[in-house]
Every structure is written in structure tokens, then in C-alpha cells.
């Protein structure tokens, strides 16, 4: 689903208030139970995702909104979620 690799970036690169569209997960992540759980709750390709907050010390975890849910995820997990930044 990634058409132009230069446009995709890890979710961890977005700042609070920025949003993007989920493209998918890194290949290694797709085998881990945590990422299967993310799929179950709506982290699906094409869904809009917005970074709401970063933790003040070390930025871990971050809070994100997908559909109607707000989730806290660790930075190393966010680095494995590929997104394309939405243009304002």
C-alpha cells in the first residue's frame, strides 16, 4: 500500500496536533501480539491517526487517537507504525 516510500514515516515522527493516515506496520511487527491487538481496536491501513500528547520525560508513552478511541503507546511501538502525514 506504500506508493512513495519517501512520503511514509514512522508515527513517532509526528508531533502533538499532527495527524496522518496509517499505511501499515513494519514487517517484523506484524508477527507480534501487541500489533495484532492494535489491528483489532482499529489501527487499520487508511485510518486517520492523530498524536494528542507526548510524555514530558523521554516522550514515552505517547497518546494517539484512532477513530473514537484514545490509546497510549510506547515510542518503540510508534516507530514501527508507518504513516503518511496529512497535509493541512
PDB file of N, CA and C in Angstrom:
ATOM      1  N   UNK A   1       0.809  -1.190   0.000  1.00  0.00           N
ATOM      2  CA  UNK A   1       0.000   0.000   0.000  1.00  0.00           C
ATOM      3  C   UNK A   1       0.857   1.262   0.000  1.00  0.00           C
ATOM      4  N   UNK A   2       2.155   1.155   0.314  1.00  0.00           N
ATOM      5  CA  UNK A   2       3.045   2.313   0.278  1.00  0.00           C
ATOM      6  C   UNK A   2       3.425   2.568  -1.173  1.00  0.00           C
ATOM      7  N   UNK A   3       2.970   3.706  -1.724  1.00  0.00           N
ATOM      8  CA  UNK A   3       3.252   4.023  -3.112  1.00  0.00           C
ATOM      9  C   UNK A   3       4.576   4.753  -3.266  1.00  0.00           C
ATOM     10  N   UNK A   4       4.811   5.736  -2.419  1.00  0.00           N
ATOM     11  CA  UNK A   4       6.043   6.506  -2.469  1.00  0.00           C
ATOM     12  C   UNK A   4       6.720   6.400  -1.109  1.00  0.00           C
ATOM     13  N   UNK A   5       7.754   5.586  -1.034  1.00  0.00           N
ATOM     14  CA  UNK A   5       8.407   5.306   0.249  1.00  0.00           C
ATOM     15  C   UNK A   5       8.920   6.570   0.930  1.00  0.00           C
ATOM     16  N   UNK A   6       9.308   7.591   0.165  1.00  0.00           N
ATOM     17  CA  UNK A   6       9.814   8.822   0.757  1.00  0.00           C
ATOM     18  C   UNK A   6       8.731   9.553   1.548  1.00  0.00           C
ATOM     19  N   UNK A   7       7.467   9.363   1.202  1.00  0.00           N
ATOM     20  CA  UNK A   7       6.382  10.049   1.891  1.00  0.00           C
ATOM     21  C   UNK A   7       5.997   9.348   3.188  1.00  0.00           C
ATOM     22  N   UNK A   8       6.345   8.088   3.351  1.00  0.00           N
ATOM     23  CA  UNK A   8       5.958   7.376   4.570  1.00  0.00           C
ATOM     24  C   UNK A   8       6.980   7.645   5.665  1.00  0.00           C
ATOM     25  N   UNK A   9       6.499   7.663   6.903  1.00  0.00           N
ATOM     26  CA  UNK A   9       7.383   7.884   8.031  1.00  0.00           C
ATOM     27  C   UNK A   9       6.807   7.153   9.236  1.00  0.00           C
ATOM     28  N   UNK A  10       7.625   6.951  10.263  1.00  0.00           N
ATOM     29  CA  UNK A  10       7.105   6.318  11.468  1.00  0.00           C
ATOM     30  C   UNK A  10       6.171   7.271  12.215  1.00  0.00           C
ATOM     31  N   UNK A  11       5.178   6.720  12.861  1.00  0.00           N
ATOM     32  CA  UNK A  11       4.248   7.512  13.660  1.00  0.00           C
ATOM     33  C   UNK A  11       4.992   8.348  14.694  1.00  0.00           C
ATOM     34  N   UNK A  12       6.102   7.854  15.203  1.00  0.00           N
ATOM     35  CA  UNK A  12       6.866   8.564  16.234  1.00  0.00           C
ATOM     36  C   UNK A  12       7.408   9.912  15.750  1.00  0.00           C
ATOM     37  N   UNK A  13       7.404  10.163  14.453  1.00  0.00           N
ATOM     38  CA  UNK A  13       7.891  11.443  13.917  1.00  0.00           C
ATOM     39  C   UNK A  13       6.842  12.552  13.981  1.00  0.00           C
ATOM     40  N   UNK A  14       5.581  12.197  14.196  1.00  0.00           N
ATOM     41  CA  UNK A  14       4.538  13.220  14.272  1.00  0.00           C
ATOM     42  C   UNK A  14       4.561  13.890  15.634  1.00  0.00           C
ATOM     43  N   UNK A  15       4.260  15.168  15.649  1.00  0.00           N
ATOM     44  CA  UNK A  15       4.209  15.973  16.867  1.00  0.00           C
ATOM     45  C   UNK A  15       2.755  16.110  17.338  1.00  0.00           C
ATOM     46  N   UNK A  16       2.531  16.489  18.595  1.00  0.00           N
ATOM     47  CA  UNK A  16       1.159  16.692  19.065  1.00  0.00           C
ATOM     48  C   UNK A  16       0.398  17.655  18.154  1.00  0.00           C
ATOM     49  N   UNK A  17      -0.816  17.258  17.816  1.00  0.00           N
ATOM     50  CA  UNK A  17      -1.645  18.060  16.917  1.00  0.00           C
ATOM     51  C   UNK A  17      -1.526  17.645  15.467  1.00  0.00           C
ATOM     52  N   UNK A  18      -0.481  16.892  15.121  1.00  0.00           N
ATOM     53  CA  UNK A  18      -0.330  16.425  13.741  1.00  0.00           C
ATOM     54  C   UNK A  18      -1.085  15.113  13.558  1.00  0.00           C
ATOM     55  N   UNK A  19      -1.529  14.899  12.330  1.00  0.00           N
ATOM     56  CA  UNK A  19      -2.241  13.665  12.034  1.00  0.00           C
ATOM     57  C   UNK A  19      -1.734  13.074  10.730  1.00  0.00           C
ATOM     58  N   UNK A  20      -2.095  11.839  10.539  1.00  0.00           N
ATOM     59  CA  UNK A  20      -1.705  11.135   9.329  1.00  0.00           C
ATOM     60  C   UNK A  20      -2.648   9.991   9.050  1.00  0.00           C
ATOM     61  N   UNK A  21      -2.355   9.258   8.003  1.00  0.00           N
ATOM     62  CA  UNK A  21      -3.107   8.051   7.636  1.00  0.00           C
ATOM     63  C   UNK A  21      -2.192   6.863   7.836  1.00  0.00           C
ATOM     64  N   UNK A  22      -2.727   5.841   8.466  1.00  0.00           N
ATOM     65  CA  UNK A  22      -1.949   4.630   8.711  1.00  0.00           C
ATOM     66  C   UNK A  22      -1.747   3.886   7.399  1.00  0.00           C
ATOM     67  N   UNK A  23      -0.491   3.527   7.131  1.00  0.00           N
ATOM     68  CA  UNK A  23      -0.170   2.711   5.961  1.00  0.00           C
ATOM     69  C   UNK A  23      -0.043   1.247   6.346  1.00  0.00           C
ATOM     70  N   UNK A  24       0.470   0.987   7.534  1.00  0.00           N
ATOM     71  CA  UNK A  24       0.659  -0.387   7.995  1.00  0.00           C
ATOM     72  C   UNK A  24       1.759  -0.439   9.034  1.00  0.00           C
ATOM     73  N   UNK A  25       2.232  -1.662   9.311  1.00  0.00           N
ATOM     74  CA  UNK A  25       3.289  -1.885  10.296  1.00  0.00           C
ATOM     75  C   UNK A  25       4.524  -2.410   9.598  1.00  0.00           C
ATOM     76  N   UNK A  26       5.682  -2.209  10.240  1.00  0.00           N
ATOM     77  CA  UNK A  26       6.893  -2.843   9.743  1.00  0.00           C
ATOM     78  C   UNK A  26       6.667  -4.353   9.725  1.00  0.00           C
ATOM     79  N   UNK A  27       7.342  -5.040   8.834  1.00  0.00           N
ATOM     80  CA  UNK A  27       7.126  -6.473   8.652  1.00  0.00           C
ATOM     81  C   UNK A  27       7.337  -7.254   9.938  1.00  0.00           C
ATOM     82  N   UNK A  28       8.389  -6.947  10.687  1.00  0.00           N
ATOM     83  CA  UNK A  28       8.673  -7.684  11.917  1.00  0.00           C
ATOM     84  C   UNK A  28       7.554  -7.490  12.944  1.00  0.00           C
ATOM     85  N   UNK A  29       6.959  -6.318  12.968  1.00  0.00           N
ATOM     86  CA  UNK A  29       5.916  -6.018  13.951  1.00  0.00           C
ATOM     87  C   UNK A  29       4.652  -6.823  13.703  1.00  0.00           C
ATOM     88  N   UNK A  30       4.393  -7.150  12.457  1.00  0.00           N
ATOM     89  CA  UNK A  30       3.136  -7.822  12.123  1.00  0.00           C
ATOM     90  C   UNK A  30       3.007  -9.191  12.779  1.00  0.00           C
ATOM     91  N   UNK A  31       4.090  -9.747  13.286  1.00  0.00           N
ATOM     92  CA  UNK A  31       4.043 -11.061  13.930  1.00  0.00           C
ATOM     93  C   UNK A  31       3.853 -10.980  15.443  1.00  0.00           C
ATOM     94  N   UNK A  32       3.888  -9.786  16.010  1.00  0.00           N
ATOM     95  CA  UNK A  32       3.831  -9.630  17.453  1.00  0.00           C
ATOM     96  C   UNK A  32       2.386  -9.453  17.932  1.00  0.00           C
ATOM     97  N   UNK A  33       2.034 -10.079  19.054  1.00  0.00           N
ATOM     98  CA  UNK A  33       0.663  -9.987  19.575  1.00  0.00           C
ATOM     99  C   UNK A  33       0.188  -8.555  19.810  1.00  0.00           C
ATOM    100  N   UNK A  34       1.078  -7.661  20.258  1.00  0.00           N
ATOM    101  CA  UNK A  34       0.671  -6.282  20.508  1.00  0.00           C
ATOM    102  C   UNK A  34       0.134  -5.640  19.238  1.00  0.00           C
ATOM    103  N   UNK A  35       0.786  -5.856  18.125  1.00  0.00           N
ATOM    104  CA  UNK A  35       0.360  -5.227  16.875  1.00  0.00           C
ATOM    105  C   UNK A  35      -0.910  -5.870  16.334  1.00  0.00           C
ATOM    106  N   UNK A  36      -1.112  -7.151  16.606  1.00  0.00           N
ATOM    107  CA  UNK A  36      -2.379  -7.783  16.245  1.00  0.00           C
ATOM    108  C   UNK A  36      -3.518  -7.144  17.048  1.00  0.00           C
ATOM    109  N   UNK A  37      -3.239  -6.832  18.306  1.00  0.00           N
ATOM    110  CA  UNK A  37      -4.239  -6.157  19.146  1.00  0.00           C
ATOM    111  C   UNK A  37      -4.548  -4.768  18.599  1.00  0.00           C
ATOM    112  N   UNK A  38      -3.529  -4.042  18.124  1.00  0.00           N
ATOM    113  CA  UNK A  38      -3.780  -2.726  17.522  1.00  0.00           C
ATOM    114  C   UNK A  38      -4.714  -2.846  16.322  1.00  0.00           C
ATOM    115  N   UNK A  39      -4.523  -3.862  15.504  1.00  0.00           N
ATOM    116  CA  UNK A  39      -5.426  -4.082  14.375  1.00  0.00           C
ATOM    117  C   UNK A  39      -6.854  -4.307  14.859  1.00  0.00           C
ATOM    118  N   UNK A  40      -6.997  -5.077  15.917  1.00  0.00           N
ATOM    119  CA  UNK A  40      -8.327  -5.383  16.452  1.00  0.00           C
ATOM    120  C   UNK A  40      -9.066  -4.144  16.940  1.00  0.00           C
ATOM    121  N   UNK A  41      -8.337  -3.162  17.482  1.00  0.00           N
ATOM    122  CA  UNK A  41      -9.001  -1.966  18.015  1.00  0.00           C
ATOM    123  C   UNK A  41      -9.116  -0.839  16.983  1.00  0.00           C
ATOM    124  N   UNK A  42      -8.627  -1.057  15.755  1.00  0.00           N
ATOM    125  CA  UNK A  42      -8.869  -0.070  14.705  1.00  0.00           C
ATOM    126  C   UNK A  42      -7.664   0.581  14.071  1.00  0.00           C
ATOM    127  N   UNK A  43      -6.449   0.164  14.404  1.00  0.00           N
ATOM    128  CA  UNK A  43      -5.246   0.703  13.754  1.00  0.00           C
ATOM    129  C   UNK A  43      -5.110   0.036  12.389  1.00  0.00           C
ATOM    130  N   UNK A  44      -5.979   0.420  11.472  1.00  0.00           N
ATOM    131  CA  UNK A  44      -6.061  -0.230  10.168  1.00  0.00           C
ATOM    132  C   UNK A  44      -5.520   0.688   9.076  1.00  0.00           C
ATOM    133  N   UNK A  45      -4.952   0.115   8.032  1.00  0.00           N
ATOM    134  CA  UNK A  45      -4.497   0.942   6.912  1.00  0.00           C
ATOM    135  C   UNK A  45      -5.629   1.835   6.407  1.00  0.00           C
ATOM    136  N   UNK A  46      -5.287   3.107   6.210  1.00  0.00           N
ATOM    137  CA  UNK A  46      -6.263   4.079   5.727  1.00  0.00           C
ATOM    138  C   UNK A  46      -6.935   4.886   6.824  1.00  0.00           C
ATOM    139  N   UNK A  47      -6.848   4.414   8.069  1.00  0.00           N
ATOM    140  CA  UNK A  47      -7.469   5.148   9.173  1.00  0.00           C
ATOM    141  C   UNK A  47      -6.645   6.382   9.532  1.00  0.00           C
ATOM    142  N   UNK A  48      -7.358   7.427   9.918  1.00  0.00           N
ATOM    143  CA  UNK A  48      -6.705   8.656  10.384  1.00  0.00           C
ATOM    144  C   UNK A  48      -6.203   8.431  11.805  1.00  0.00           C
ATOM    145  N   UNK A  49      -4.995   8.926  12.088  1.00  0.00           N
ATOM    146  CA  UNK A  49      -4.425   8.838  13.431  1.00  0.00           C
ATOM    147  C   UNK A  49      -3.864  10.207  13.792  1.00  0.00           C
ATOM    148  N   UNK A  50      -4.130  10.647  15.006  1.00  0.00           N
ATOM    149  CA  UNK A  50      -3.639  11.947  15.464  1.00  0.00           C
ATOM    150  C   UNK A  50      -2.852  11.767  16.757  1.00  0.00           C
ATOM    151  N   UNK A  51      -1.700  12.417  16.822  1.00  0.00           N
ATOM    152  CA  UNK A  51      -0.909  12.411  18.050  1.00  0.00           C
ATOM    153  C   UNK A  51      -1.485  13.498  18.948  1.00  0.00           C
ATOM    154  N   UNK A  52      -1.896  13.101  20.160  1.00  0.00           N
ATOM    155  CA  UNK A  52      -2.500  14.052  21.092  1.00  0.00           C
ATOM    156  C   UNK A  52      -1.483  14.646  22.053  1.00  0.00           C
ATOM    157  N   UNK A  53      -0.670  13.788  22.670  1.00  0.00           N
ATOM    158  CA  UNK A  53       0.293  14.247  23.673  1.00  0.00           C
ATOM    159  C   UNK A  53       1.539  13.381  23.666  1.00  0.00           C
ATOM    160  N   UNK A  54       2.636  14.005  24.104  1.00  0.00           N
ATOM    161  CA  UNK A  54       3.874  13.281  24.356  1.00  0.00           C
ATOM    162  C   UNK A  54       4.111  13.330  25.857  1.00  0.00           C
ATOM    163  N   UNK A  55       4.669  12.298  26.393  1.00  0.00           N
ATOM    164  CA  UNK A  55       5.014  12.289  27.810  1.00  0.00           C
ATOM    165  C   UNK A  55       6.152  13.290  28.031  1.00  0.00           C
ATOM    166  N   UNK A  56       6.131  14.042  29.129  1.00  0.00           N
ATOM    167  CA  UNK A  56       7.121  15.101  29.311  1.00  0.00           C
ATOM    168  C   UNK A  56       8.566  14.621  29.464  1.00  0.00           C
ATOM    169  N   UNK A  57       8.783  13.476  30.059  1.00  0.00           N
ATOM    170  CA  UNK A  57      10.147  12.997  30.261  1.00  0.00           C
ATOM    171  C   UNK A  57      10.397  11.801  29.365  1.00  0.00           C
ATOM    172  N   UNK A  58      11.231  11.986  28.372  1.00  0.00           N
ATOM    173  CA  UNK A  58      11.555  10.897  27.468  1.00  0.00           C
ATOM    174  C   UNK A  58      10.510  10.632  26.400  1.00  0.00           C
ATOM    175  N   UNK A  59       9.399  11.366  26.427  1.00  0.00           N
ATOM    176  CA  UNK A  59       8.343  11.259  25.423  1.00  0.00           C
ATOM    177  C   UNK A  59       7.695   9.879  25.364  1.00  0.00           C
ATOM    178  N   UNK A  60       7.783   9.087  26.409  1.00  0.00           N
ATOM    179  CA  UNK A  60       7.249   7.730  26.362  1.00  0.00           C
ATOM    180  C   UNK A  60       6.300   7.524  27.530  1.00  0.00           C
ATOM    181  N   UNK A  61       5.049   7.193  27.344  1.00  0.00           N
ATOM    182  CA  UNK A  61       4.371   6.873  26.094  1.00  0.00           C
ATOM    183  C   UNK A  61       3.818   8.127  25.419  1.00  0.00           C
ATOM    184  N   UNK A  62       3.244   7.918  24.238  1.00  0.00           N
ATOM    185  CA  UNK A  62       2.536   8.987  23.548  1.00  0.00           C
ATOM    186  C   UNK A  62       1.062   8.596  23.507  1.00  0.00           C
ATOM    187  N   UNK A  63       0.192   9.588  23.450  1.00  0.00           N
ATOM    188  CA  UNK A  63      -1.230   9.272  23.309  1.00  0.00           C
ATOM    189  C   UNK A  63      -1.671   9.645  21.903  1.00  0.00           C
ATOM    190  N   UNK A  64      -2.454   8.739  21.322  1.00  0.00           N
ATOM    191  CA  UNK A  64      -2.929   8.916  19.955  1.00  0.00           C
ATOM    192  C   UNK A  64      -4.421   8.628  19.908  1.00  0.00           C
ATOM    193  N   UNK A  65      -5.076   9.224  18.921  1.00  0.00           N
ATOM    194  CA  UNK A  65      -6.490   8.940  18.699  1.00  0.00           C
ATOM    195  C   UNK A  65      -6.653   8.278  17.346  1.00  0.00           C
ATOM    196  N   UNK A  66      -7.357   7.144  17.359  1.00  0.00           N
ATOM    197  CA  UNK A  66      -7.731   6.432  16.145  1.00  0.00           C
ATOM    198  C   UNK A  66      -9.222   6.169  16.255  1.00  0.00           C
ATOM    199  N   UNK A  67      -9.959   6.589  15.248  1.00  0.00           N
ATOM    200  CA  UNK A  67     -11.424   6.520  15.280  1.00  0.00           C
ATOM    201  C   UNK A  67     -11.908   7.204  16.560  1.00  0.00           C
ATOM    202  N   UNK A  68     -12.699   6.535  17.368  1.00  0.00           N
ATOM    203  CA  UNK A  68     -13.244   7.131  18.587  1.00  0.00           C
ATOM    204  C   UNK A  68     -12.386   6.854  19.819  1.00  0.00           C
ATOM    205  N   UNK A  69     -11.323   6.069  19.677  1.00  0.00           N
ATOM    206  CA  UNK A  69     -10.530   5.659  20.829  1.00  0.00           C
ATOM    207  C   UNK A  69      -9.248   6.459  21.005  1.00  0.00           C
ATOM    208  N   UNK A  70      -8.837   6.601  22.254  1.00  0.00           N
ATOM    209  CA  UNK A  70      -7.559   7.231  22.598  1.00  0.00           C
ATOM    210  C   UNK A  70      -6.695   6.154  23.248  1.00  0.00           C
ATOM    211  N   UNK A  71      -5.461   6.025  22.763  1.00  0.00           N
ATOM    212  CA  UNK A  71      -4.572   4.959  23.199  1.00  0.00           C
ATOM    213  C   UNK A  71      -3.212   5.525  23.578  1.00  0.00           C
ATOM    214  N   UNK A  72      -2.573   4.906  24.561  1.00  0.00           N
ATOM    215  CA  UNK A  72      -1.201   5.242  24.933  1.00  0.00           C
ATOM    216  C   UNK A  72      -0.318   4.121  24.405  1.00  0.00           C
ATOM    217  N   UNK A  73       0.685   4.499  23.621  1.00  0.00           N
ATOM    218  CA  UNK A  73       1.613   3.502  23.085  1.00  0.00           C
ATOM    219  C   UNK A  73       3.040   3.980  23.322  1.00  0.00           C
ATOM    220  N   UNK A  74       3.928   3.037  23.404  1.00  0.00           N
ATOM    221  CA  UNK A  74       5.341   3.353  23.634  1.00  0.00           C
ATOM    222  C   UNK A  74       5.990   3.829  22.331  1.00  0.00           C
ATOM    223  N   UNK A  75       7.042   4.618  22.482  1.00  0.00           N
ATOM    224  CA  UNK A  75       7.742   5.157  21.312  1.00  0.00           C
ATOM    225  C   UNK A  75       8.286   4.057  20.411  1.00  0.00           C
ATOM    226  N   UNK A  76       8.842   2.994  20.996  1.00  0.00           N
ATOM    227  CA  UNK A  76       9.400   1.945  20.143  1.00  0.00           C
ATOM    228  C   UNK A  76       8.301   1.240  19.350  1.00  0.00           C
ATOM    229  N   UNK A  77       7.069   1.268  19.846  1.00  0.00           N
ATOM    230  CA  UNK A  77       5.945   0.717  19.083  1.00  0.00           C
ATOM    231  C   UNK A  77       5.522   1.702  17.993  1.00  0.00           C
ATOM    232  N   UNK A  78       5.487   2.990  18.334  1.00  0.00           N
ATOM    233  CA  UNK A  78       5.119   4.023  17.368  1.00  0.00           C
ATOM    234  C   UNK A  78       6.107   4.082  16.207  1.00  0.00           C
ATOM    235  N   UNK A  79       7.360   3.728  16.467  1.00  0.00           N
ATOM    236  CA  UNK A  79       8.372   3.731  15.403  1.00  0.00           C
ATOM    237  C   UNK A  79       8.103   2.655  14.362  1.00  0.00           C
ATOM    238  N   UNK A  80       7.296   1.666  14.700  1.00  0.00           N
ATOM    239  CA  UNK A  80       7.033   0.559  13.787  1.00  0.00           C
ATOM    240  C   UNK A  80       5.701   0.684  13.058  1.00  0.00           C
ATOM    241  N   UNK A  81       4.971   1.773  13.338  1.00  0.00           N
ATOM    242  CA  UNK A  81       3.719   2.056  12.636  1.00  0.00           C
ATOM    243  C   UNK A  81       4.028   3.080  11.556  1.00  0.00           C
ATOM    244  N   UNK A  82       3.796   2.723  10.306  1.00  0.00           N
ATOM    245  CA  UNK A  82       4.096   3.603   9.174  1.00  0.00           C
ATOM    246  C   UNK A  82       2.875   4.441   8.819  1.00  0.00           C
ATOM    247  N   UNK A  83       3.104   5.736   8.648  1.00  0.00           N
ATOM    248  CA  UNK A  83       2.016   6.667   8.323  1.00  0.00           C
ATOM    249  C   UNK A  83       2.452   7.588   7.190  1.00  0.00           C
ATOM    250  N   UNK A  84       1.489   8.248   6.613  1.00  0.00           N
ATOM    251  CA  UNK A  84       1.752   9.360   5.712  1.00  0.00           C
ATOM    252  C   UNK A  84       1.110  10.572   6.360  1.00  0.00           C
ATOM    253  N   UNK A  85       1.877  11.651   6.507  1.00  0.00           N
ATOM    254  CA  UNK A  85       1.409  12.868   7.181  1.00  0.00           C
ATOM    255  C   UNK A  85       0.287  13.500   6.367  1.00  0.00           C
ATOM    256  N   UNK A  86      -0.769  13.922   7.072  1.00  0.00           N
ATOM    257  CA  UNK A  86      -1.848  14.643   6.400  1.00  0.00           C
ATOM    258  C   UNK A  86      -1.418  16.093   6.215  1.00  0.00           C
ATOM    259  N   UNK A  87      -1.699  16.608   5.075  1.00  0.00           N
ATOM    260  CA  UNK A  87      -1.355  17.998   4.801  1.00  0.00           C
ATOM    261  C   UNK A  87      -2.482  18.892   5.294  1.00  0.00           C
ATOM    262  N   UNK A  88      -2.112  20.030   5.912  1.00  0.00           N
ATOM    263  CA  UNK A  88      -3.140  20.939   6.432  1.00  0.00           C
ATOM    264  C   UNK A  88      -3.623  21.877   5.353  1.00  0.00           C
TER     265      UNK A  88
END
